[in-house]
Structures are given as structure tokens and as C-alpha cells.
Amino acid sequence: MTLSYAQIEHLFHQYRDELTRRLLTMVQSRETAADLVQETYLRLLGLADRQVVEQPRALLHRIATNLAIDHARREKNRLHDSGDAEATLNVASPVPSQERQLQAKQRFHRFLQSTEVLPPRTREAFLLYRVYGYTYREIARRMGISESAVEKLLMRALDQFCRSVETQDSSD
């Protein structure tokens, strides 16, 4: 069966805590685990109405595990690369090409457009988390809501972004 957005949302809420516990044991960081759970949801949304899914729970766990493994590899490479003094001498120019600059401006413009359509509280939570790097706890304290409510706002924002990207992709 293919999964609809509503089914994916239901699955995500049904298994979110289970996935968070699993990822927490793998990455040893609540913040990283929360990020990876959200990324799992985004990946699953990318499969919506496109791919037949026989065992959705198993798929969620496989996606989450793969993301945790990728995270661990990046961390290992980051630590390894930071200790390689000779390699740092051969770094390419940090100035992006004109094409990359244009692409970045276009992506940023689409990002701004997408945030403007979010409800005010959802936009505030999203920007505090993704742009300013606040933790769930800090956002909850600042907005006077629970951490669970912060998570729900962020999930709504991600869902809105996915739909926005899907709309843009279909119009391109």
C-alpha cells in the first residue's frame, strides 16, 4: 500500500517516542535524536503516494537507523578531518561560484516565502529552532508552552515546508 500524508503523520506520532528512544541510545544526545526523528519523518514524507510500503514501522526504524549511522560517520570524519593539519593547507577557495551564489539566493528566497505562509506561532518556533538554534526547552520557556507543543509546532512547519516544496516541484 502507498502511504498518504495523513497515514504518515499518524505513523510518526504513533512511533515517535519509540524512535526517539532508539536513536538516543545510538547517538547519545537528545537534541541530535530529536533532529534525526524529524529527518526520518521528512524522508518518509518524500515517499508519500510514490512507493509501496509493506511494513511502515520497520521502514521508519530503518530510515532512523540509517540516519543515525550517517550522523556517526559524519561526526567521525569531522573529528578525523579536524586533526589533519596538512590537509588544511590544501583547502580550496571558500568563495562559492556565481552559479552557487545564485542558487543559494534562490533557495533562501523560497525559504523566506515558505516561512511567511506559516501561522505566527509555528513560524516563531521554527525560526527559533532552525535559524537561531534554540533547544525545545528554550523555545518552550520563551513561548510559554510545553516541549511537546514545540515539537507539534515544528512538525506542522516541516509538513508545510514539504507540501510547499512538492507544489514548487510540480510547477517547475
N, C-alpha and C. Protein backbone atom coordinates (compact mmCIF):
# COMPACT_ATOMS: atom_id res chain seq x y z
N MET A 1 0.84 -1.18 0.00
CA MET A 1 0.00 0.00 0.00
C MET A 1 0.89 1.25 0.00
N THR A 2 0.44 2.27 -0.67
CA THR A 2 1.15 3.55 -0.61
C THR A 2 0.59 4.32 0.58
N LEU A 3 1.44 5.16 1.16
CA LEU A 3 1.05 5.90 2.35
C LEU A 3 0.65 7.32 2.00
N SER A 4 -0.45 7.77 2.55
CA SER A 4 -0.88 9.14 2.37
C SER A 4 -0.21 10.00 3.43
N TYR A 5 -0.30 11.30 3.29
CA TYR A 5 0.27 12.21 4.27
C TYR A 5 -0.37 11.99 5.64
N ALA A 6 -1.66 11.78 5.67
CA ALA A 6 -2.36 11.56 6.94
C ALA A 6 -1.87 10.28 7.61
N GLN A 7 -1.67 9.22 6.82
CA GLN A 7 -1.18 7.97 7.38
C GLN A 7 0.24 8.12 7.90
N ILE A 8 1.06 8.86 7.18
CA ILE A 8 2.43 9.09 7.62
C ILE A 8 2.44 9.88 8.91
N GLU A 9 1.60 10.88 8.99
CA GLU A 9 1.53 11.68 10.22
C GLU A 9 1.10 10.79 11.39
N HIS A 10 0.11 9.94 11.17
CA HIS A 10 -0.35 9.03 12.22
C HIS A 10 0.79 8.08 12.64
N LEU A 11 1.49 7.50 11.67
CA LEU A 11 2.61 6.61 11.97
C LEU A 11 3.68 7.33 12.76
N PHE A 12 3.98 8.52 12.33
CA PHE A 12 5.03 9.27 13.01
C PHE A 12 4.67 9.51 14.46
N HIS A 13 3.46 9.97 14.72
CA HIS A 13 3.05 10.23 16.10
C HIS A 13 2.96 8.93 16.90
N GLN A 14 2.59 7.86 16.24
CA GLN A 14 2.47 6.57 16.92
C GLN A 14 3.85 6.04 17.35
N TYR A 15 4.86 6.23 16.55
CA TYR A 15 6.18 5.65 16.81
C TYR A 15 7.25 6.66 17.18
N ARG A 16 6.90 7.93 17.32
CA ARG A 16 7.89 8.98 17.60
C ARG A 16 8.70 8.68 18.85
N ASP A 17 8.03 8.37 19.96
CA ASP A 17 8.75 8.11 21.22
C ASP A 17 9.66 6.89 21.10
N GLU A 18 9.15 5.86 20.43
CA GLU A 18 9.93 4.64 20.23
C GLU A 18 11.19 4.95 19.41
N LEU A 19 11.03 5.71 18.34
CA LEU A 19 12.18 6.09 17.51
C LEU A 19 13.16 6.97 18.28
N THR A 20 12.62 7.89 19.07
CA THR A 20 13.49 8.78 19.85
C THR A 20 14.34 7.97 20.82
N ARG A 21 13.72 7.02 21.52
CA ARG A 21 14.48 6.18 22.47
C ARG A 21 15.56 5.39 21.74
N ARG A 22 15.21 4.83 20.60
CA ARG A 22 16.18 4.04 19.84
C ARG A 22 17.36 4.92 19.40
N LEU A 23 17.04 6.08 18.85
CA LEU A 23 18.10 6.97 18.37
C LEU A 23 18.93 7.53 19.52
N LEU A 24 18.30 7.77 20.64
CA LEU A 24 19.03 8.29 21.80
C LEU A 24 20.10 7.31 22.24
N THR A 25 19.80 6.02 22.19
CA THR A 25 20.82 5.03 22.55
C THR A 25 21.95 4.99 21.52
N MET A 26 21.64 5.37 20.30
CA MET A 26 22.65 5.32 19.25
C MET A 26 23.53 6.57 19.21
N VAL A 27 22.93 7.75 19.42
CA VAL A 27 23.69 8.99 19.24
C VAL A 27 24.04 9.68 20.56
N GLN A 28 23.44 9.25 21.65
CA GLN A 28 23.76 9.77 22.99
C GLN A 28 23.50 11.26 23.15
N SER A 29 22.56 11.79 22.41
CA SER A 29 22.22 13.22 22.51
C SER A 29 20.74 13.39 22.21
N ARG A 30 20.02 13.99 23.16
CA ARG A 30 18.58 14.21 22.97
C ARG A 30 18.31 15.11 21.77
N GLU A 31 19.08 16.18 21.64
CA GLU A 31 18.88 17.12 20.54
C GLU A 31 19.12 16.44 19.19
N THR A 32 20.20 15.69 19.10
CA THR A 32 20.51 15.01 17.84
C THR A 32 19.44 13.96 17.55
N ALA A 33 19.00 13.23 18.57
CA ALA A 33 17.95 12.24 18.38
C ALA A 33 16.68 12.90 17.87
N ALA A 34 16.31 14.05 18.46
CA ALA A 34 15.11 14.77 18.02
C ALA A 34 15.26 15.22 16.56
N ASP A 35 16.44 15.72 16.20
CA ASP A 35 16.69 16.13 14.82
C ASP A 35 16.55 14.93 13.86
N LEU A 36 17.10 13.80 14.27
CA LEU A 36 17.06 12.62 13.41
C LEU A 36 15.64 12.07 13.28
N VAL A 37 14.84 12.18 14.33
CA VAL A 37 13.44 11.75 14.24
C VAL A 37 12.71 12.64 13.23
N GLN A 38 12.96 13.94 13.30
CA GLN A 38 12.32 14.84 12.33
C GLN A 38 12.79 14.53 10.91
N GLU A 39 14.06 14.26 10.76
CA GLU A 39 14.59 13.92 9.44
C GLU A 39 13.97 12.62 8.93
N THR A 40 13.74 11.67 9.84
CA THR A 40 13.07 10.42 9.48
C THR A 40 11.69 10.72 8.91
N TYR A 41 10.97 11.59 9.58
CA TYR A 41 9.64 11.98 9.13
C TYR A 41 9.71 12.62 7.74
N LEU A 42 10.67 13.50 7.53
CA LEU A 42 10.82 14.15 6.23
C LEU A 42 11.10 13.13 5.13
N ARG A 43 11.97 12.17 5.43
CA ARG A 43 12.28 11.14 4.43
C ARG A 43 11.04 10.31 4.10
N LEU A 44 10.27 9.98 5.13
CA LEU A 44 9.06 9.20 4.90
C LEU A 44 8.04 10.01 4.10
N LEU A 45 7.97 11.32 4.38
CA LEU A 45 7.07 12.17 3.60
C LEU A 45 7.46 12.18 2.13
N GLY A 46 8.76 12.07 1.87
CA GLY A 46 9.24 12.04 0.49
C GLY A 46 8.76 10.81 -0.27
N LEU A 47 8.39 9.77 0.47
CA LEU A 47 7.91 8.54 -0.16
C LEU A 47 6.39 8.51 -0.31
N ALA A 48 5.71 9.49 0.26
CA ALA A 48 4.24 9.51 0.28
C ALA A 48 3.68 9.38 -1.12
N ASP A 49 2.71 8.52 -1.25
CA ASP A 49 1.97 8.30 -2.50
C ASP A 49 2.86 7.91 -3.68
N ARG A 50 4.10 7.50 -3.41
CA ARG A 50 5.00 7.16 -4.51
C ARG A 50 5.50 5.73 -4.44
N GLN A 51 5.64 5.20 -3.23
CA GLN A 51 6.27 3.90 -3.08
C GLN A 51 5.38 3.01 -2.22
N VAL A 52 5.30 1.77 -2.60
CA VAL A 52 4.52 0.80 -1.83
C VAL A 52 5.30 0.47 -0.56
N VAL A 53 4.61 0.54 0.57
CA VAL A 53 5.24 0.26 1.86
C VAL A 53 4.48 -0.89 2.51
N GLU A 54 5.16 -2.02 2.67
CA GLU A 54 4.53 -3.21 3.25
C GLU A 54 4.53 -3.13 4.78
N GLN A 55 5.65 -2.68 5.36
CA GLN A 55 5.79 -2.64 6.81
C GLN A 55 6.27 -1.24 7.23
N PRO A 56 5.34 -0.33 7.45
CA PRO A 56 5.70 1.06 7.73
C PRO A 56 6.57 1.24 8.98
N ARG A 57 6.26 0.48 10.04
CA ARG A 57 7.04 0.61 11.28
C ARG A 57 8.50 0.21 11.03
N ALA A 58 8.70 -0.89 10.33
CA ALA A 58 10.05 -1.34 10.01
C ALA A 58 10.77 -0.31 9.15
N LEU A 59 10.04 0.29 8.21
CA LEU A 59 10.63 1.31 7.36
C LEU A 59 11.06 2.53 8.19
N LEU A 60 10.21 2.95 9.10
CA LEU A 60 10.57 4.07 9.99
C LEU A 60 11.87 3.77 10.74
N HIS A 61 11.94 2.57 11.30
CA HIS A 61 13.14 2.20 12.06
C HIS A 61 14.36 2.11 11.16
N ARG A 62 14.20 1.61 9.95
CA ARG A 62 15.33 1.50 9.03
C ARG A 62 15.83 2.89 8.64
N ILE A 63 14.92 3.78 8.32
CA ILE A 63 15.30 5.16 7.96
C ILE A 63 16.02 5.81 9.13
N ALA A 64 15.46 5.69 10.33
CA ALA A 64 16.06 6.31 11.52
C ALA A 64 17.45 5.74 11.79
N THR A 65 17.59 4.43 11.68
CA THR A 65 18.89 3.79 11.91
C THR A 65 19.91 4.25 10.89
N ASN A 66 19.51 4.30 9.63
CA ASN A 66 20.44 4.77 8.59
C ASN A 66 20.87 6.21 8.83
N LEU A 67 19.93 7.05 9.26
CA LEU A 67 20.29 8.44 9.55
C LEU A 67 21.26 8.52 10.72
N ALA A 68 21.06 7.69 11.74
CA ALA A 68 21.97 7.68 12.89
C ALA A 68 23.37 7.21 12.47
N ILE A 69 23.42 6.21 11.61
CA ILE A 69 24.71 5.72 11.12
C ILE A 69 25.40 6.82 10.31
N ASP A 70 24.66 7.48 9.43
CA ASP A 70 25.23 8.58 8.65
C ASP A 70 25.74 9.68 9.57
N HIS A 71 24.97 10.00 10.60
CA HIS A 71 25.39 11.03 11.57
C HIS A 71 26.70 10.63 12.24
N ALA A 72 26.79 9.37 12.67
CA ALA A 72 28.01 8.89 13.33
C ALA A 72 29.21 8.97 12.39
N ARG A 73 29.00 8.63 11.13
CA ARG A 73 30.09 8.72 10.14
C ARG A 73 30.56 10.17 9.95
N ARG A 74 29.58 11.08 9.85
CA ARG A 74 29.94 12.49 9.68
C ARG A 74 30.73 12.99 10.88
N GLU A 75 30.29 12.61 12.07
CA GLU A 75 30.99 13.03 13.29
C GLU A 75 32.41 12.47 13.32
N LYS A 76 32.54 11.20 12.95
CA LYS A 76 33.85 10.57 12.92
C LYS A 76 34.76 11.27 11.91
N ASN A 77 34.23 11.55 10.72
CA ASN A 77 35.01 12.25 9.70
C ASN A 77 35.36 13.66 10.13
N ARG A 78 34.42 14.33 10.78
CA ARG A 78 34.67 15.70 11.25
C ARG A 78 35.82 15.70 12.26
N LEU A 79 35.79 14.76 13.20
CA LEU A 79 36.86 14.68 14.20
C LEU A 79 38.18 14.30 13.54
N HIS A 80 38.13 13.38 12.60
CA HIS A 80 39.34 12.95 11.90
C HIS A 80 39.92 14.09 11.06
N ASP A 81 39.04 14.78 10.32
CA ASP A 81 39.49 15.85 9.45
C ASP A 81 40.05 17.03 10.23
N SER A 82 39.51 17.31 11.40
CA SER A 82 39.99 18.48 12.16
C SER A 82 41.40 18.27 12.68
N GLY A 83 41.86 17.01 12.77
CA GLY A 83 43.19 16.74 13.28
C GLY A 83 44.23 16.63 12.18
N ASP A 84 43.87 16.76 10.95
CA ASP A 84 44.78 16.59 9.82
C ASP A 84 45.30 17.95 9.38
N ALA A 85 46.41 18.39 9.96
CA ALA A 85 46.95 19.73 9.70
C ALA A 85 47.40 19.91 8.26
N GLU A 86 48.00 18.89 7.68
CA GLU A 86 48.49 19.02 6.31
C GLU A 86 47.33 19.21 5.33
N ALA A 87 46.24 18.52 5.56
CA ALA A 87 45.08 18.63 4.66
C ALA A 87 44.49 20.03 4.72
N THR A 88 44.58 20.69 5.86
CA THR A 88 44.01 22.03 5.97
C THR A 88 44.79 23.05 5.16
N LEU A 89 46.02 22.75 4.82
CA LEU A 89 46.80 23.67 4.00
C LEU A 89 46.34 23.64 2.54
N ASN A 90 45.70 22.57 2.13
CA ASN A 90 45.27 22.41 0.74
C ASN A 90 43.77 22.65 0.56
N VAL A 91 43.22 23.56 1.31
CA VAL A 91 41.79 23.83 1.25
C VAL A 91 41.49 24.70 0.03
N ALA A 92 40.44 24.34 -0.69
CA ALA A 92 40.02 25.12 -1.84
C ALA A 92 39.47 26.47 -1.39
N SER A 93 39.37 27.38 -2.31
CA SER A 93 38.85 28.70 -2.00
C SER A 93 37.45 28.61 -1.40
N PRO A 94 37.21 29.34 -0.31
CA PRO A 94 35.89 29.30 0.32
C PRO A 94 34.84 30.12 -0.43
N VAL A 95 35.25 30.86 -1.45
CA VAL A 95 34.32 31.71 -2.18
C VAL A 95 33.54 30.86 -3.18
N PRO A 96 32.21 30.80 -3.03
CA PRO A 96 31.41 29.99 -3.96
C PRO A 96 31.35 30.62 -5.35
N SER A 97 31.11 29.77 -6.34
CA SER A 97 30.99 30.27 -7.72
C SER A 97 29.74 31.14 -7.83
N GLN A 98 29.65 31.89 -8.91
CA GLN A 98 28.47 32.74 -9.13
C GLN A 98 27.21 31.89 -9.24
N GLU A 99 27.32 30.74 -9.87
CA GLU A 99 26.16 29.86 -10.00
C GLU A 99 25.68 29.40 -8.62
N ARG A 100 26.62 29.01 -7.75
CA ARG A 100 26.25 28.58 -6.40
C ARG A 100 25.65 29.73 -5.60
N GLN A 101 26.18 30.93 -5.79
CA GLN A 101 25.63 32.09 -5.09
C GLN A 101 24.19 32.34 -5.52
N LEU A 102 23.93 32.23 -6.83
CA LEU A 102 22.58 32.43 -7.35
C LEU A 102 21.64 31.35 -6.81
N GLN A 103 22.09 30.10 -6.82
CA GLN A 103 21.27 29.02 -6.29
C GLN A 103 20.97 29.24 -4.81
N ALA A 104 21.95 29.67 -4.06
CA ALA A 104 21.75 29.92 -2.63
C ALA A 104 20.74 31.04 -2.41
N LYS A 105 20.83 32.09 -3.21
CA LYS A 105 19.87 33.19 -3.09
C LYS A 105 18.46 32.71 -3.42
N GLN A 106 18.34 31.88 -4.45
CA GLN A 106 17.02 31.36 -4.83
C GLN A 106 16.46 30.46 -3.73
N ARG A 107 17.30 29.59 -3.18
CA ARG A 107 16.85 28.72 -2.08
C ARG A 107 16.44 29.55 -0.88
N PHE A 108 17.21 30.58 -0.56
CA PHE A 108 16.88 31.43 0.57
C PHE A 108 15.57 32.16 0.34
N HIS A 109 15.36 32.63 -0.88
CA HIS A 109 14.10 33.32 -1.21
C HIS A 109 12.91 32.37 -1.05
N ARG A 110 13.06 31.12 -1.53
CA ARG A 110 11.99 30.13 -1.37
C ARG A 110 11.75 29.83 0.10
N PHE A 111 12.84 29.76 0.87
CA PHE A 111 12.72 29.53 2.32
C PHE A 111 11.92 30.66 2.97
N LEU A 112 12.25 31.90 2.63
CA LEU A 112 11.53 33.03 3.21
C LEU A 112 10.05 33.01 2.82
N GLN A 113 9.78 32.69 1.57
CA GLN A 113 8.39 32.60 1.13
C GLN A 113 7.64 31.52 1.91
N SER A 114 8.29 30.40 2.12
CA SER A 114 7.66 29.30 2.85
C SER A 114 7.40 29.66 4.30
N THR A 115 8.30 30.40 4.92
CA THR A 115 8.08 30.77 6.32
C THR A 115 6.98 31.81 6.46
N GLU A 116 6.80 32.64 5.44
CA GLU A 116 5.77 33.69 5.53
C GLU A 116 4.36 33.13 5.56
N VAL A 117 4.14 31.94 5.01
CA VAL A 117 2.79 31.37 5.00
C VAL A 117 2.48 30.56 6.26
N LEU A 118 3.48 30.36 7.10
CA LEU A 118 3.25 29.62 8.34
C LEU A 118 2.46 30.47 9.32
N PRO A 119 1.63 29.84 10.14
CA PRO A 119 0.95 30.59 11.21
C PRO A 119 2.01 31.21 12.13
N PRO A 120 1.73 32.35 12.75
CA PRO A 120 2.74 33.08 13.52
C PRO A 120 3.46 32.24 14.59
N ARG A 121 2.75 31.47 15.39
CA ARG A 121 3.39 30.68 16.46
C ARG A 121 4.25 29.57 15.87
N THR A 122 3.76 28.97 14.79
CA THR A 122 4.53 27.92 14.13
C THR A 122 5.81 28.51 13.54
N ARG A 123 5.68 29.66 12.91
CA ARG A 123 6.84 30.34 12.32
C ARG A 123 7.85 30.70 13.40
N GLU A 124 7.37 31.23 14.53
CA GLU A 124 8.26 31.61 15.62
C GLU A 124 9.04 30.41 16.13
N ALA A 125 8.34 29.31 16.39
CA ALA A 125 9.01 28.11 16.90
C ALA A 125 10.02 27.59 15.89
N PHE A 126 9.63 27.56 14.63
CA PHE A 126 10.52 27.06 13.58
C PHE A 126 11.78 27.91 13.47
N LEU A 127 11.62 29.22 13.43
CA LEU A 127 12.78 30.10 13.29
C LEU A 127 13.69 30.02 14.51
N LEU A 128 13.09 29.94 15.69
CA LEU A 128 13.91 29.82 16.91
C LEU A 128 14.73 28.54 16.87
N TYR A 129 14.14 27.47 16.37
CA TYR A 129 14.84 26.18 16.35
C TYR A 129 15.84 26.09 15.21
N ARG A 130 15.38 26.32 13.99
CA ARG A 130 16.23 26.09 12.83
C ARG A 130 17.20 27.23 12.51
N VAL A 131 16.80 28.46 12.77
CA VAL A 131 17.66 29.59 12.42
C VAL A 131 18.54 29.99 13.60
N TYR A 132 17.93 30.09 14.78
CA TYR A 132 18.68 30.58 15.94
C TYR A 132 19.24 29.48 16.82
N GLY A 133 18.88 28.23 16.58
CA GLY A 133 19.49 27.12 17.29
C GLY A 133 19.01 26.90 18.71
N TYR A 134 17.83 27.39 19.05
CA TYR A 134 17.29 27.17 20.39
C TYR A 134 16.93 25.70 20.56
N THR A 135 16.99 25.22 21.80
CA THR A 135 16.55 23.86 22.10
C THR A 135 15.03 23.88 22.29
N TYR A 136 14.43 22.69 22.30
CA TYR A 136 13.00 22.60 22.55
C TYR A 136 12.65 23.25 23.88
N ARG A 137 13.47 22.98 24.89
CA ARG A 137 13.22 23.51 26.23
C ARG A 137 13.26 25.04 26.22
N GLU A 138 14.25 25.61 25.54
CA GLU A 138 14.36 27.07 25.48
C GLU A 138 13.18 27.69 24.73
N ILE A 139 12.77 27.05 23.66
CA ILE A 139 11.62 27.55 22.90
C ILE A 139 10.36 27.48 23.76
N ALA A 140 10.18 26.35 24.43
CA ALA A 140 9.00 26.16 25.28
C ALA A 140 8.95 27.24 26.35
N ARG A 141 10.07 27.48 26.98
CA ARG A 141 10.14 28.51 28.04
C ARG A 141 9.85 29.89 27.45
N ARG A 142 10.45 30.19 26.33
CA ARG A 142 10.29 31.51 25.71
C ARG A 142 8.85 31.76 25.25
N MET A 143 8.20 30.69 24.70
CA MET A 143 6.85 30.84 24.17
C MET A 143 5.76 30.53 25.20
N GLY A 144 6.17 30.03 26.37
CA GLY A 144 5.21 29.72 27.42
C GLY A 144 4.35 28.51 27.10
N ILE A 145 4.96 27.49 26.45
CA ILE A 145 4.25 26.26 26.09
C ILE A 145 5.10 25.06 26.50
N SER A 146 4.53 23.87 26.36
CA SER A 146 5.28 22.66 26.71
C SER A 146 6.23 22.27 25.57
N GLU A 147 7.20 21.42 25.91
CA GLU A 147 8.12 20.93 24.89
C GLU A 147 7.36 20.11 23.84
N SER A 148 6.35 19.40 24.28
CA SER A 148 5.51 18.63 23.35
C SER A 148 4.81 19.56 22.35
N ALA A 149 4.35 20.70 22.85
CA ALA A 149 3.70 21.67 21.95
C ALA A 149 4.72 22.24 20.96
N VAL A 150 5.96 22.44 21.40
CA VAL A 150 7.02 22.91 20.50
C VAL A 150 7.22 21.88 19.39
N GLU A 151 7.30 20.61 19.78
CA GLU A 151 7.51 19.56 18.80
C GLU A 151 6.36 19.54 17.78
N LYS A 152 5.13 19.70 18.25
CA LYS A 152 3.99 19.71 17.34
C LYS A 152 4.05 20.90 16.38
N LEU A 153 4.45 22.06 16.88
CA LEU A 153 4.59 23.23 16.01
C LEU A 153 5.66 22.98 14.94
N LEU A 154 6.77 22.39 15.36
CA LEU A 154 7.85 22.12 14.41
C LEU A 154 7.43 21.07 13.37
N MET A 155 6.66 20.09 13.79
CA MET A 155 6.18 19.09 12.84
C MET A 155 5.22 19.73 11.83
N ARG A 156 4.38 20.65 12.30
CA ARG A 156 3.48 21.36 11.37
C ARG A 156 4.29 22.17 10.37
N ALA A 157 5.33 22.83 10.87
CA ALA A 157 6.18 23.62 9.98
C ALA A 157 6.84 22.73 8.93
N LEU A 158 7.39 21.60 9.36
CA LEU A 158 8.02 20.69 8.41
C LEU A 158 7.02 20.15 7.40
N ASP A 159 5.84 19.82 7.87
CA ASP A 159 4.80 19.34 6.97
C ASP A 159 4.45 20.41 5.93
N GLN A 160 4.32 21.65 6.37
CA GLN A 160 4.01 22.76 5.47
C GLN A 160 5.14 22.96 4.45
N PHE A 161 6.39 22.85 4.91
CA PHE A 161 7.52 23.00 4.00
C PHE A 161 7.52 21.90 2.95
N CYS A 162 7.24 20.68 3.38
CA CYS A 162 7.22 19.56 2.42
C CYS A 162 6.15 19.79 1.36
N ARG A 163 5.00 20.23 1.79
CA ARG A 163 3.93 20.49 0.83
C ARG A 163 4.31 21.64 -0.09
N SER A 164 4.98 22.64 0.45
CA SER A 164 5.40 23.78 -0.35
C SER A 164 6.41 23.35 -1.41
N VAL A 165 7.37 22.52 -0.99
CA VAL A 165 8.39 22.03 -1.92
C VAL A 165 7.73 21.17 -2.99
N GLU A 166 6.78 20.33 -2.58
CA GLU A 166 6.08 19.49 -3.53
C GLU A 166 5.34 20.33 -4.56
N THR A 167 4.71 21.41 -4.11
CA THR A 167 3.99 22.31 -5.00
C THR A 167 4.97 22.98 -5.97
N GLN A 168 6.12 23.43 -5.45
CA GLN A 168 7.11 24.06 -6.30
C GLN A 168 7.67 23.09 -7.32
N ASP A 169 7.92 21.83 -6.88
CA ASP A 169 8.45 20.81 -7.79
C ASP A 169 7.48 20.52 -8.93
N SER A 170 6.21 20.46 -8.59
CA SER A 170 5.22 20.14 -9.63
C SER A 170 5.00 21.31 -10.59
N SER A 171 5.29 22.53 -10.14
CA SER A 171 5.11 23.68 -11.03
C SER A 171 6.36 23.97 -11.87
N ASP A 172 7.51 23.36 -11.50
CA ASP A 172 8.75 23.57 -12.26
C ASP A 172 8.81 22.74 -13.49
